[in-house]
Amino acid sequence: MTTMLLDAASLYFRAFYGVPTSVTTPDGRPINAVRGFLDMTARLLATHRPDRLVACWDDDWRPAFRVEALPSYKAHRVAPEGGEEVPDELGPQVPVLVEVLAAAGIDRVGAPGYEADDVIGTLATRARGPVDVVTGDRDLFQLVDDARAVRVLYTARGITDIEFVDEAGVAAKYGIPGRAYADFAVLRGDPSDGLPGVPGVGAKTAAALINEFGDLAGIRAAAGRTVVPKAPLTAAVLKKLHAAGDYLDAAPVVVAVATTIDLPPVEGALPRSPADPRALAELADRHGIGNSVRRLGAVLGWPADVLGR
């Protein structure tokens, strides 16, 4: 039984930038992100045929425990008035998407104080059977696990050109063992999340260190006992690692996806009919998304007249 976990914010941002804002509601408001999200979901379901589906939500896009560990975490994305900086045309669409998912009967799961990544990590760990994680966020590469058939459907090039990332995929892309991505990201850094990395340690050096010493703990232990520097722990690299000691203490807390957060049982069953057909029809009319809802319903096997037409 395959479970598909959607990184919802990743997908609705991708939909927003992939579908023109000229796609509007009958009264002229942009609805491109909602339309794109529904169309992407329909395409994913039609192509990959999962048995379960969960839209995983950022209840907290910048959790306090991560900011406390590393104040630079996503700091560049904080709006002047606080909260996440979101395009003006996108912000009002997110509550609409919430309503549509509820009326359609698609499970949407978040957790106070945690990001969607942590919801995904927990549900992937709980799942019995294969898991497909749909995201444009490389952080979730750390979840790939061939033994448990957990893979990432990476949307970097769009929903029609998905890259399937398993342990071999991580190894091919970065030259590291399949489940070593979190330590690799700590060392190399990730500017998109405000993660500075170890200054002067790039992807090639980070991969060499991981391959030689196994993980971040092994690298730091070796750095602490090395007397005669040699590649990949050259004198220059040792100096950089020692100088970044405080960062290396804090960053793993930020990068590691939580896998044991407190979540209620999540069924994730594909809805064979809308949870609230009347509400869904009203939303479809008001926002001009009837065609997208019908495409989603056709994939899910809903009656053809589900919107009253």
C-alpha atoms as a PDB file:
ATOM      1  CA  MET A   1       0.000   0.000   0.000  1.00  0.00           C
ATOM      2  CA  THR A   2       1.793   3.124  -1.253  1.00  0.00           C
ATOM      3  CA  THR A   3       1.456   6.401   0.637  1.00  0.00           C
ATOM      4  CA  MET A   4       1.983   9.705  -1.183  1.00  0.00           C
ATOM      5  CA  LEU A   5       2.958  12.636   1.027  1.00  0.00           C
ATOM      6  CA  LEU A   6       2.673  16.087  -0.528  1.00  0.00           C
ATOM      7  CA  ASP A   7       4.910  18.897   0.689  1.00  0.00           C
ATOM      8  CA  ALA A   8       1.999  21.282   0.253  1.00  0.00           C
ATOM      9  CA  ALA A   9       3.785  24.629   0.529  1.00  0.00           C
ATOM     10  CA  SER A  10       6.469  23.490  -1.892  1.00  0.00           C
ATOM     11  CA  LEU A  11       3.782  22.533  -4.395  1.00  0.00           C
ATOM     12  CA  TYR A  12       1.573  25.596  -4.080  1.00  0.00           C
ATOM     13  CA  PHE A  13       4.587  27.909  -4.401  1.00  0.00           C
ATOM     14  CA  ARG A  14       5.641  25.941  -7.490  1.00  0.00           C
ATOM     15  CA  ALA A  15       2.101  26.182  -8.842  1.00  0.00           C
ATOM     16  CA  PHE A  16       2.007  29.915  -8.192  1.00  0.00           C
ATOM     17  CA  TYR A  17       5.197  30.528 -10.155  1.00  0.00           C
ATOM     18  CA  GLY A  18       4.368  27.961 -12.828  1.00  0.00           C
ATOM     19  CA  VAL A  19       0.844  29.133 -13.682  1.00  0.00           C
ATOM     20  CA  PRO A  20       0.302  32.770 -14.755  1.00  0.00           C
ATOM     21  CA  THR A  21      -1.446  35.128 -12.339  1.00  0.00           C
ATOM     22  CA  SER A  22      -3.726  35.971 -15.255  1.00  0.00           C
ATOM     23  CA  VAL A  23      -5.594  32.776 -14.262  1.00  0.00           C
ATOM     24  CA  THR A  24      -8.257  34.374 -12.097  1.00  0.00           C
ATOM     25  CA  THR A  25     -11.573  33.874 -10.348  1.00  0.00           C
ATOM     26  CA  PRO A  26     -14.757  35.156 -12.013  1.00  0.00           C
ATOM     27  CA  ASP A  27     -14.340  38.436 -10.130  1.00  0.00           C
ATOM     28  CA  GLY A  28     -10.707  38.855 -11.199  1.00  0.00           C
ATOM     29  CA  ARG A  29      -8.658  37.584  -8.235  1.00  0.00           C
ATOM     30  CA  PRO A  30      -5.617  35.386  -8.996  1.00  0.00           C
ATOM     31  CA  ILE A  31      -6.359  31.684  -8.421  1.00  0.00           C
ATOM     32  CA  ASN A  32      -3.340  30.243 -10.246  1.00  0.00           C
ATOM     33  CA  ALA A  33      -1.788  28.544  -7.198  1.00  0.00           C
ATOM     34  CA  VAL A  34      -5.004  26.686  -6.332  1.00  0.00           C
ATOM     35  CA  ARG A  35      -5.643  25.679  -9.925  1.00  0.00           C
ATOM     36  CA  GLY A  36      -2.044  24.545 -10.340  1.00  0.00           C
ATOM     37  CA  PHE A  37      -2.019  22.617  -7.063  1.00  0.00           C
ATOM     38  CA  LEU A  38      -5.193  20.712  -7.950  1.00  0.00           C
ATOM     39  CA  ASP A  39      -3.969  19.963 -11.463  1.00  0.00           C
ATOM     40  CA  MET A  40      -0.588  18.775 -10.153  1.00  0.00           C
ATOM     41  CA  THR A  41      -2.289  16.543  -7.601  1.00  0.00           C
ATOM     42  CA  ALA A  42      -4.530  15.026 -10.269  1.00  0.00           C
ATOM     43  CA  ARG A  43      -1.516  14.347 -12.479  1.00  0.00           C
ATOM     44  CA  LEU A  44       0.438  12.771  -9.619  1.00  0.00           C
ATOM     45  CA  LEU A  45      -2.475  10.502  -8.724  1.00  0.00           C
ATOM     46  CA  ALA A  46      -3.027   9.489 -12.337  1.00  0.00           C
ATOM     47  CA  THR A  47       0.651   8.757 -12.941  1.00  0.00           C
ATOM     48  CA  HIS A  48       1.700   7.088  -9.701  1.00  0.00           C
ATOM     49  CA  ARG A  49      -1.565   5.584  -8.405  1.00  0.00           C
ATOM     50  CA  PRO A  50      -0.898   5.733  -4.639  1.00  0.00           C
ATOM     51  CA  ASP A  51      -3.282   4.065  -2.212  1.00  0.00           C
ATOM     52  CA  ARG A  52      -3.114   6.885   0.330  1.00  0.00           C
ATOM     53  CA  LEU A  53      -2.635  10.644   0.007  1.00  0.00           C
ATOM     54  CA  VAL A  54      -1.831  13.290   2.621  1.00  0.00           C
ATOM     55  CA  ALA A  55      -1.227  17.002   2.072  1.00  0.00           C
ATOM     56  CA  CYS A  56       1.393  17.906   4.696  1.00  0.00           C
ATOM     57  CA  TRP A  57       1.215  21.467   5.980  1.00  0.00           C
ATOM     58  CA  ASP A  58       3.529  24.066   7.509  1.00  0.00           C
ATOM     59  CA  ASP A  59       1.720  24.936  10.719  1.00  0.00           C
ATOM     60  CA  ASP A  60       4.945  26.754  11.605  1.00  0.00           C
ATOM     61  CA  TRP A  61       7.220  27.578   8.667  1.00  0.00           C
ATOM     62  CA  ARG A  62      10.066  28.733  10.987  1.00  0.00           C
ATOM     63  CA  PRO A  63       9.837  26.755  14.249  1.00  0.00           C
ATOM     64  CA  ALA A  64      11.196  28.344  17.402  1.00  0.00           C
ATOM     65  CA  PHE A  65      13.438  25.389  18.250  1.00  0.00           C
ATOM     66  CA  ARG A  66      15.258  25.760  14.922  1.00  0.00           C
ATOM     67  CA  VAL A  67      15.581  29.542  15.213  1.00  0.00           C
ATOM     68  CA  GLU A  68      16.859  29.189  18.791  1.00  0.00           C
ATOM     69  CA  ALA A  69      19.533  26.807  17.555  1.00  0.00           C
ATOM     70  CA  LEU A  70      20.464  28.923  14.526  1.00  0.00           C
ATOM     71  CA  PRO A  71      19.021  32.479  14.346  1.00  0.00           C
ATOM     72  CA  SER A  72      19.869  32.772  10.636  1.00  0.00           C
ATOM     73  CA  TYR A  73      17.433  29.964   9.811  1.00  0.00           C
ATOM     74  CA  LYS A  74      15.104  31.368   7.104  1.00  0.00           C
ATOM     75  CA  ALA A  75      15.755  34.868   8.476  1.00  0.00           C
ATOM     76  CA  HIS A  76      16.017  36.290   4.955  1.00  0.00           C
ATOM     77  CA  ARG A  77      12.434  35.167   4.285  1.00  0.00           C
ATOM     78  CA  VAL A  78      10.832  37.009   7.217  1.00  0.00           C
ATOM     79  CA  ALA A  79       8.470  39.763   6.061  1.00  0.00           C
ATOM     80  CA  PRO A  80       8.941  43.299   7.507  1.00  0.00           C
ATOM     81  CA  GLU A  81       5.702  42.907   9.486  1.00  0.00           C
ATOM     82  CA  GLY A  82       6.696  39.422  10.642  1.00  0.00           C
ATOM     83  CA  GLY A  83       5.654  36.052   9.286  1.00  0.00           C
ATOM     84  CA  GLU A  84       6.789  34.549   6.022  1.00  0.00           C
ATOM     85  CA  GLU A  85       7.278  36.796   3.030  1.00  0.00           C
ATOM     86  CA  VAL A  86       4.704  35.596   0.508  1.00  0.00           C
ATOM     87  CA  PRO A  87       3.713  37.225  -2.801  1.00  0.00           C
ATOM     88  CA  ASP A  88       0.618  39.419  -2.401  1.00  0.00           C
ATOM     89  CA  GLU A  89      -1.251  37.392  -5.025  1.00  0.00           C
ATOM     90  CA  LEU A  90      -0.466  34.070  -3.302  1.00  0.00           C
ATOM     91  CA  GLY A  91      -1.374  34.777   0.332  1.00  0.00           C
ATOM     92  CA  PRO A  92      -5.177  34.943  -0.148  1.00  0.00           C
ATOM     93  CA  GLN A  93      -5.151  31.724  -2.169  1.00  0.00           C
ATOM     94  CA  VAL A  94      -3.824  29.517   0.636  1.00  0.00           C
ATOM     95  CA  PRO A  95      -7.048  29.623   2.736  1.00  0.00           C
ATOM     96  CA  VAL A  96      -9.009  28.830  -0.431  1.00  0.00           C
ATOM     97  CA  LEU A  97      -6.875  25.745  -0.983  1.00  0.00           C
ATOM     98  CA  VAL A  98      -7.495  24.699   2.626  1.00  0.00           C
ATOM     99  CA  GLU A  99     -11.245  24.920   2.058  1.00  0.00           C
ATOM    100  CA  VAL A 100     -11.082  23.015  -1.221  1.00  0.00           C
ATOM    101  CA  LEU A 101      -9.027  20.174   0.257  1.00  0.00           C
ATOM    102  CA  ALA A 102     -11.453  19.874   3.180  1.00  0.00           C
ATOM    103  CA  ALA A 103     -14.514  19.809   0.928  1.00  0.00           C
ATOM    104  CA  ALA A 104     -12.848  17.293  -1.366  1.00  0.00           C
ATOM    105  CA  GLY A 105     -12.015  15.016   1.560  1.00  0.00           C
ATOM    106  CA  ILE A 106      -8.231  15.025   1.086  1.00  0.00           C
ATOM    107  CA  ASP A 107      -6.448  14.753   4.421  1.00  0.00           C
ATOM    108  CA  ARG A 108      -4.406  17.832   5.336  1.00  0.00           C
ATOM    109  CA  VAL A 109      -2.086  17.420   8.306  1.00  0.00           C
ATOM    110  CA  GLY A 110       0.058  19.904  10.197  1.00  0.00           C
ATOM    111  CA  ALA A 111       1.459  20.103  13.715  1.00  0.00           C
ATOM    112  CA  PRO A 112       1.827  23.182  15.950  1.00  0.00           C
ATOM    113  CA  GLY A 113       5.465  24.219  16.176  1.00  0.00           C
ATOM    114  CA  TYR A 114       6.599  22.081  13.253  1.00  0.00           C
ATOM    115  CA  GLU A 115       7.106  22.327   9.520  1.00  0.00           C
ATOM    116  CA  ALA A 116       5.609  20.127   6.839  1.00  0.00           C
ATOM    117  CA  ASP A 117       9.023  18.420   6.606  1.00  0.00           C
ATOM    118  CA  ASP A 118       8.531  17.105  10.149  1.00  0.00           C
ATOM    119  CA  VAL A 119       4.997  15.910   9.396  1.00  0.00           C
ATOM    120  CA  ILE A 120       6.347  14.130   6.328  1.00  0.00           C
ATOM    121  CA  GLY A 121       9.212  12.610   8.303  1.00  0.00           C
ATOM    122  CA  THR A 122       6.867  11.295  10.973  1.00  0.00           C
ATOM    123  CA  LEU A 123       4.283   9.905   8.556  1.00  0.00           C
ATOM    124  CA  ALA A 124       6.990   8.318   6.407  1.00  0.00           C
ATOM    125  CA  THR A 125       8.439   6.644   9.492  1.00  0.00           C
ATOM    126  CA  ARG A 126       5.012   5.380  10.562  1.00  0.00           C
ATOM    127  CA  ALA A 127       3.969   4.099   7.146  1.00  0.00           C
ATOM    128  CA  ARG A 128       3.651   0.431   6.448  1.00  0.00           C
ATOM    129  CA  GLY A 129       4.585   0.056   2.827  1.00  0.00           C
ATOM    130  CA  PRO A 130       6.244   2.247   0.184  1.00  0.00           C
ATOM    131  CA  VAL A 131       6.233   6.038   0.540  1.00  0.00           C
ATOM    132  CA  ASP A 132       6.520   8.672  -2.191  1.00  0.00           C
ATOM    133  CA  VAL A 133       7.410  12.140  -0.875  1.00  0.00           C
ATOM    134  CA  VAL A 134       6.556  14.861  -3.400  1.00  0.00           C
ATOM    135  CA  THR A 135       8.630  17.993  -2.866  1.00  0.00           C
ATOM    136  CA  GLY A 136      10.958  20.537  -4.394  1.00  0.00           C
ATOM    137  CA  ASP A 137      12.947  20.680  -1.123  1.00  0.00           C
ATOM    138  CA  ARG A 138      16.273  18.829  -1.057  1.00  0.00           C
ATOM    139  CA  ASP A 139      16.201  18.636   2.753  1.00  0.00           C
ATOM    140  CA  LEU A 140      13.828  15.701   2.431  1.00  0.00           C
ATOM    141  CA  PHE A 141      16.462  13.646   0.606  1.00  0.00           C
ATOM    142  CA  GLN A 142      17.572  12.602   4.100  1.00  0.00           C
ATOM    143  CA  LEU A 143      14.434  10.447   4.354  1.00  0.00           C
ATOM    144  CA  VAL A 144      15.212   8.161   1.411  1.00  0.00           C
ATOM    145  CA  ASP A 145      15.456   4.568   2.546  1.00  0.00           C
ATOM    146  CA  ASP A 146      15.656   1.733   0.039  1.00  0.00           C
ATOM    147  CA  ALA A 147      14.967  -0.898   2.689  1.00  0.00           C
ATOM    148  CA  ARG A 148      11.623   0.729   3.488  1.00  0.00           C
ATOM    149  CA  ALA A 149      10.915   1.872  -0.090  1.00  0.00           C
ATOM    150  CA  VAL A 150      10.874   5.563   0.861  1.00  0.00           C
ATOM    151  CA  ARG A 151      11.799   7.764  -2.086  1.00  0.00           C
ATOM    152  CA  VAL A 152      11.444  11.418  -3.064  1.00  0.00           C
ATOM    153  CA  LEU A 153       9.624  12.571  -6.176  1.00  0.00           C
ATOM    154  CA  TYR A 154      11.663  15.724  -6.686  1.00  0.00           C
ATOM    155  CA  THR A 155       9.910  18.498  -8.587  1.00  0.00           C
ATOM    156  CA  ALA A 156      12.893  20.751  -9.293  1.00  0.00           C
ATOM    157  CA  ARG A 157      12.115  20.811 -13.016  1.00  0.00           C
ATOM    158  CA  GLY A 158       8.356  20.864 -12.662  1.00  0.00           C
ATOM    159  CA  ILE A 159       5.630  18.343 -12.089  1.00  0.00           C
ATOM    160  CA  THR A 160       5.878  16.875 -15.583  1.00  0.00           C
ATOM    161  CA  ASP A 161       9.601  16.183 -15.219  1.00  0.00           C
ATOM    162  CA  ILE A 162       9.948  14.537 -11.826  1.00  0.00           C
ATOM    163  CA  GLU A 163      13.271  13.161 -10.641  1.00  0.00           C
ATOM    164  CA  PHE A 164      12.998   9.951  -8.639  1.00  0.00           C
ATOM    165  CA  VAL A 165      15.463  10.112  -5.756  1.00  0.00           C
ATOM    166  CA  ASP A 166      16.360   6.982  -3.804  1.00  0.00           C
ATOM    167  CA  GLU A 167      19.601   6.121  -2.023  1.00  0.00           C
ATOM    168  CA  ALA A 168      21.346   5.481  -5.324  1.00  0.00           C
ATOM    169  CA  GLY A 169      20.046   8.823  -6.589  1.00  0.00           C
ATOM    170  CA  VAL A 170      21.550  10.701  -3.640  1.00  0.00           C
ATOM    171  CA  ALA A 171      24.835   8.849  -4.133  1.00  0.00           C
ATOM    172  CA  ALA A 172      24.888   9.659  -7.857  1.00  0.00           C
ATOM    173  CA  LYS A 173      24.045  13.327  -7.331  1.00  0.00           C
ATOM    174  CA  TYR A 174      26.304  14.129  -4.390  1.00  0.00           C
ATOM    175  CA  GLY A 175      28.820  11.288  -4.139  1.00  0.00           C
ATOM    176  CA  ILE A 176      27.757  10.355  -0.613  1.00  0.00           C
ATOM    177  CA  PRO A 177      25.975   7.384   0.966  1.00  0.00           C
ATOM    178  CA  GLY A 178      22.241   7.520   0.354  1.00  0.00           C
ATOM    179  CA  ARG A 179      21.115   8.547   3.829  1.00  0.00           C
ATOM    180  CA  ALA A 180      23.962  10.975   4.596  1.00  0.00           C
ATOM    181  CA  TYR A 181      22.279  14.021   3.102  1.00  0.00           C
ATOM    182  CA  ALA A 182      21.560  15.835   6.387  1.00  0.00           C
ATOM    183  CA  ASP A 183      25.220  15.841   7.458  1.00  0.00           C
ATOM    184  CA  PHE A 184      26.253  16.820   3.942  1.00  0.00           C
ATOM    185  CA  ALA A 185      23.843  19.783   4.057  1.00  0.00           C
ATOM    186  CA  VAL A 186      25.188  20.890   7.444  1.00  0.00           C
ATOM    187  CA  LEU A 187      28.738  20.990   6.090  1.00  0.00           C
ATOM    188  CA  ARG A 188      27.992  22.494   2.685  1.00  0.00           C
ATOM    189  CA  GLY A 189      25.201  24.824   3.829  1.00  0.00           C
ATOM    190  CA  ASP A 190      22.014  25.868   2.082  1.00  0.00           C
ATOM    191  CA  PRO A 191      21.524  29.595   1.410  1.00  0.00           C
ATOM    192  CA  SER A 192      17.832  29.078   0.637  1.00  0.00           C
ATOM    193  CA  ASP A 193      17.293  28.193   4.310  1.00  0.00           C
ATOM    194  CA  GLY A 194      19.826  30.614   5.770  1.00  0.00           C
ATOM    195  CA  LEU A 195      22.160  27.728   6.566  1.00  0.00           C
ATOM    196  CA  PRO A 196      25.709  29.085   6.178  1.00  0.00           C
ATOM    197  CA  GLY A 197      27.615  25.812   6.215  1.00  0.00           C
ATOM    198  CA  VAL A 198      31.271  25.621   7.186  1.00  0.00           C
ATOM    199  CA  PRO A 199      32.972  28.553   5.425  1.00  0.00           C
ATOM    200  CA  GLY A 200      35.351  27.239   2.787  1.00  0.00           C
ATOM    201  CA  VAL A 201      33.951  23.691   2.820  1.00  0.00           C
ATOM    202  CA  GLY A 202      32.086  23.096  -0.409  1.00  0.00           C
ATOM    203  CA  ALA A 203      30.204  20.105  -1.753  1.00  0.00           C
ATOM    204  CA  LYS A 204      33.311  18.210  -2.895  1.00  0.00           C
ATOM    205  CA  THR A 205      35.109  18.521   0.437  1.00  0.00           C
ATOM    206  CA  ALA A 206      31.936  17.740   2.401  1.00  0.00           C
ATOM    207  CA  ALA A 207      31.433  14.550   0.367  1.00  0.00           C
ATOM    208  CA  ALA A 208      35.059  13.507   0.824  1.00  0.00           C
ATOM    209  CA  LEU A 209      34.819  13.985   4.599  1.00  0.00           C
ATOM    210  CA  ILE A 210      31.596  11.970   4.845  1.00  0.00           C
ATOM    211  CA  ASN A 211      32.983   9.152   2.726  1.00  0.00           C
ATOM    212  CA  GLU A 212      36.127   8.993   4.839  1.00  0.00           C
ATOM    213  CA  PHE A 213      34.584   9.301   8.303  1.00  0.00           C
ATOM    214  CA  GLY A 214      30.976   8.176   7.853  1.00  0.00           C
ATOM    215  CA  ASP A 215      29.022  11.043   9.370  1.00  0.00           C
ATOM    216  CA  LEU A 216      29.341  14.405  11.062  1.00  0.00           C
ATOM    217  CA  ALA A 217      30.097  12.865  14.448  1.00  0.00           C
ATOM    218  CA  GLY A 218      32.880  10.792  12.891  1.00  0.00           C
ATOM    219  CA  ILE A 219      34.304  13.839  11.117  1.00  0.00           C
ATOM    220  CA  ARG A 220      34.370  15.909  14.306  1.00  0.00           C
ATOM    221  CA  ALA A 221      35.880  13.069  16.300  1.00  0.00           C
ATOM    222  CA  ALA A 222      38.651  12.673  13.718  1.00  0.00           C
ATOM    223  CA  ALA A 223      39.234  16.420  13.663  1.00  0.00           C
ATOM    224  CA  GLY A 224      39.655  16.371  17.428  1.00  0.00           C
ATOM    225  CA  ARG A 225      42.290  13.668  17.461  1.00  0.00           C
ATOM    226  CA  THR A 226      44.197  14.308  14.229  1.00  0.00           C
ATOM    227  CA  VAL A 227      47.833  15.135  14.835  1.00  0.00           C
ATOM    228  CA  VAL A 228      49.239  14.832  11.338  1.00  0.00           C
ATOM    229  CA  PRO A 229      46.807  16.391   8.851  1.00  0.00           C
ATOM    230  CA  LYS A 230      46.216  14.583   5.586  1.00  0.00           C
ATOM    231  CA  ALA A 231      43.501  14.651   2.944  1.00  0.00           C
ATOM    232  CA  PRO A 232      40.630  15.069   3.322  1.00  0.00           C
ATOM    233  CA  LEU A 233      41.447  16.431   6.805  1.00  0.00           C
ATOM    234  CA  THR A 234      44.112  18.827   5.601  1.00  0.00           C
ATOM    235  CA  ALA A 235      45.439  21.548   7.869  1.00  0.00           C
ATOM    236  CA  ALA A 236      43.200  24.075   6.117  1.00  0.00           C
ATOM    237  CA  VAL A 237      40.076  21.924   6.530  1.00  0.00           C
ATOM    238  CA  LEU A 238      40.885  21.240  10.183  1.00  0.00           C
ATOM    239  CA  LYS A 239      41.174  24.970  10.812  1.00  0.00           C
ATOM    240  CA  LYS A 240      37.800  25.590   9.165  1.00  0.00           C
ATOM    241  CA  LEU A 241      36.075  22.823  11.137  1.00  0.00           C
ATOM    242  CA  HIS A 242      37.459  24.052  14.448  1.00  0.00           C
ATOM    243  CA  ALA A 243      36.458  27.649  13.676  1.00  0.00           C
ATOM    244  CA  ALA A 244      32.912  26.491  12.891  1.00  0.00           C
ATOM    245  CA  GLY A 245      32.529  24.492  16.110  1.00  0.00           C
ATOM    246  CA  ASP A 246      29.575  26.483  17.475  1.00  0.00           C
ATOM    247  CA  TYR A 247      27.767  26.255  14.137  1.00  0.00           C
ATOM    248  CA  LEU A 248      28.382  22.499  13.931  1.00  0.00           C
ATOM    249  CA  ASP A 249      26.941  22.109  17.437  1.00  0.00           C
ATOM    250  CA  ALA A 250      23.734  23.901  16.438  1.00  0.00           C
ATOM    251  CA  ALA A 251      23.092  23.072  12.793  1.00  0.00           C
ATOM    252  CA  PRO A 252      22.135  19.367  13.072  1.00  0.00           C
ATOM    253  CA  VAL A 253      19.076  20.349  15.140  1.00  0.00           C
ATOM    254  CA  VAL A 254      18.010  22.654  12.329  1.00  0.00           C
ATOM    255  CA  VAL A 255      18.652  20.310   9.412  1.00  0.00           C
ATOM    256  CA  ALA A 256      17.379  17.036  10.840  1.00  0.00           C
ATOM    257  CA  VAL A 257      13.765  16.294   9.912  1.00  0.00           C
ATOM    258  CA  ALA A 258      11.762  15.247  12.971  1.00  0.00           C
ATOM    259  CA  THR A 259      10.366  11.736  12.657  1.00  0.00           C
ATOM    260  CA  THR A 260       8.536  11.219  15.953  1.00  0.00           C
ATOM    261  CA  ILE A 261       6.318  14.265  16.472  1.00  0.00           C
ATOM    262  CA  ASP A 262       2.938  13.874  18.121  1.00  0.00           C
ATOM    263  CA  LEU A 263       0.387  13.384  15.350  1.00  0.00           C
ATOM    264  CA  PRO A 264      -3.044  11.796  15.531  1.00  0.00           C
ATOM    265  CA  PRO A 265      -3.701   8.703  13.424  1.00  0.00           C
ATOM    266  CA  VAL A 266      -3.911   9.715   9.764  1.00  0.00           C
ATOM    267  CA  GLU A 267      -5.967   7.560   7.412  1.00  0.00           C
ATOM    268  CA  GLY A 268      -5.067   9.258   4.148  1.00  0.00           C
ATOM    269  CA  ALA A 269      -7.616   7.231   2.211  1.00  0.00           C
ATOM    270  CA  LEU A 270      -8.336   8.491  -1.287  1.00  0.00           C
ATOM    271  CA  PRO A 271     -11.824  10.050  -1.199  1.00  0.00           C
ATOM    272  CA  ARG A 272     -14.171   8.086  -3.461  1.00  0.00           C
ATOM    273  CA  SER A 273     -16.602  10.996  -3.282  1.00  0.00           C
ATOM    274  CA  PRO A 274     -16.228  14.544  -1.920  1.00  0.00           C
ATOM    275  CA  ALA A 275     -16.550  14.999   1.822  1.00  0.00           C
ATOM    276  CA  ASP A 276     -18.901  17.938   1.225  1.00  0.00           C
ATOM    277  CA  PRO A 277     -20.181  18.002  -2.388  1.00  0.00           C
ATOM    278  CA  ARG A 278     -22.278  21.134  -1.871  1.00  0.00           C
ATOM    279  CA  ALA A 279     -19.398  23.120  -0.400  1.00  0.00           C
ATOM    280  CA  LEU A 280     -17.060  21.881  -3.126  1.00  0.00           C
ATOM    281  CA  ALA A 281     -19.490  22.923  -5.868  1.00  0.00           C
ATOM    282  CA  GLU A 282     -19.898  26.345  -4.285  1.00  0.00           C
ATOM    283  CA  LEU A 283     -16.113  26.795  -4.024  1.00  0.00           C
ATOM    284  CA  ALA A 284     -15.658  25.675  -7.616  1.00  0.00           C
ATOM    285  CA  ASP A 285     -18.205  28.229  -8.849  1.00  0.00           C
ATOM    286  CA  ARG A 286     -17.004  31.096  -6.686  1.00  0.00           C
ATOM    287  CA  HIS A 287     -13.338  30.659  -7.589  1.00  0.00           C
ATOM    288  CA  GLY A 288     -13.670  29.430 -11.161  1.00  0.00           C
ATOM    289  CA  ILE A 289     -11.863  26.144 -10.511  1.00  0.00           C
ATOM    290  CA  GLY A 290     -14.553  23.746 -11.716  1.00  0.00           C
ATOM    291  CA  ASN A 291     -12.399  22.207 -14.457  1.00  0.00           C
ATOM    292  CA  SER A 292      -9.556  21.504 -12.038  1.00  0.00           C
ATOM    293  CA  VAL A 293     -11.923  19.971  -9.491  1.00  0.00           C
ATOM    294  CA  ARG A 294     -13.475  17.799 -12.199  1.00  0.00           C
ATOM    295  CA  ARG A 295     -10.035  16.612 -13.344  1.00  0.00           C
ATOM    296  CA  LEU A 296      -9.165  15.654  -9.795  1.00  0.00           C
ATOM    297  CA  GLY A 297     -12.540  13.955  -9.348  1.00  0.00           C
ATOM    298  CA  ALA A 298     -12.129  11.972 -12.561  1.00  0.00           C
ATOM    299  CA  VAL A 299      -8.822  10.532 -11.315  1.00  0.00           C
ATOM    300  CA  LEU A 300     -10.403   9.703  -7.948  1.00  0.00           C
ATOM    301  CA  GLY A 301     -13.395   8.046  -9.603  1.00  0.00           C
ATOM    302  CA  TRP A 302     -16.018  10.551  -8.475  1.00  0.00           C
ATOM    303  CA  PRO A 303     -19.414  10.587 -10.212  1.00  0.00           C
ATOM    304  CA  ALA A 304     -19.365  12.733 -13.341  1.00  0.00           C
ATOM    305  CA  ASP A 305     -22.075  15.041 -11.947  1.00  0.00           C
ATOM    306  CA  VAL A 306     -20.274  15.680  -8.667  1.00  0.00           C
ATOM    307  CA  LEU A 307     -20.484  19.463  -9.205  1.00  0.00           C
ATOM    308  CA  GLY A 308     -24.105  19.320 -10.213  1.00  0.00           C
ATOM    309  CA  ARG A 309     -23.435  19.346 -13.945  1.00  0.00           C
END
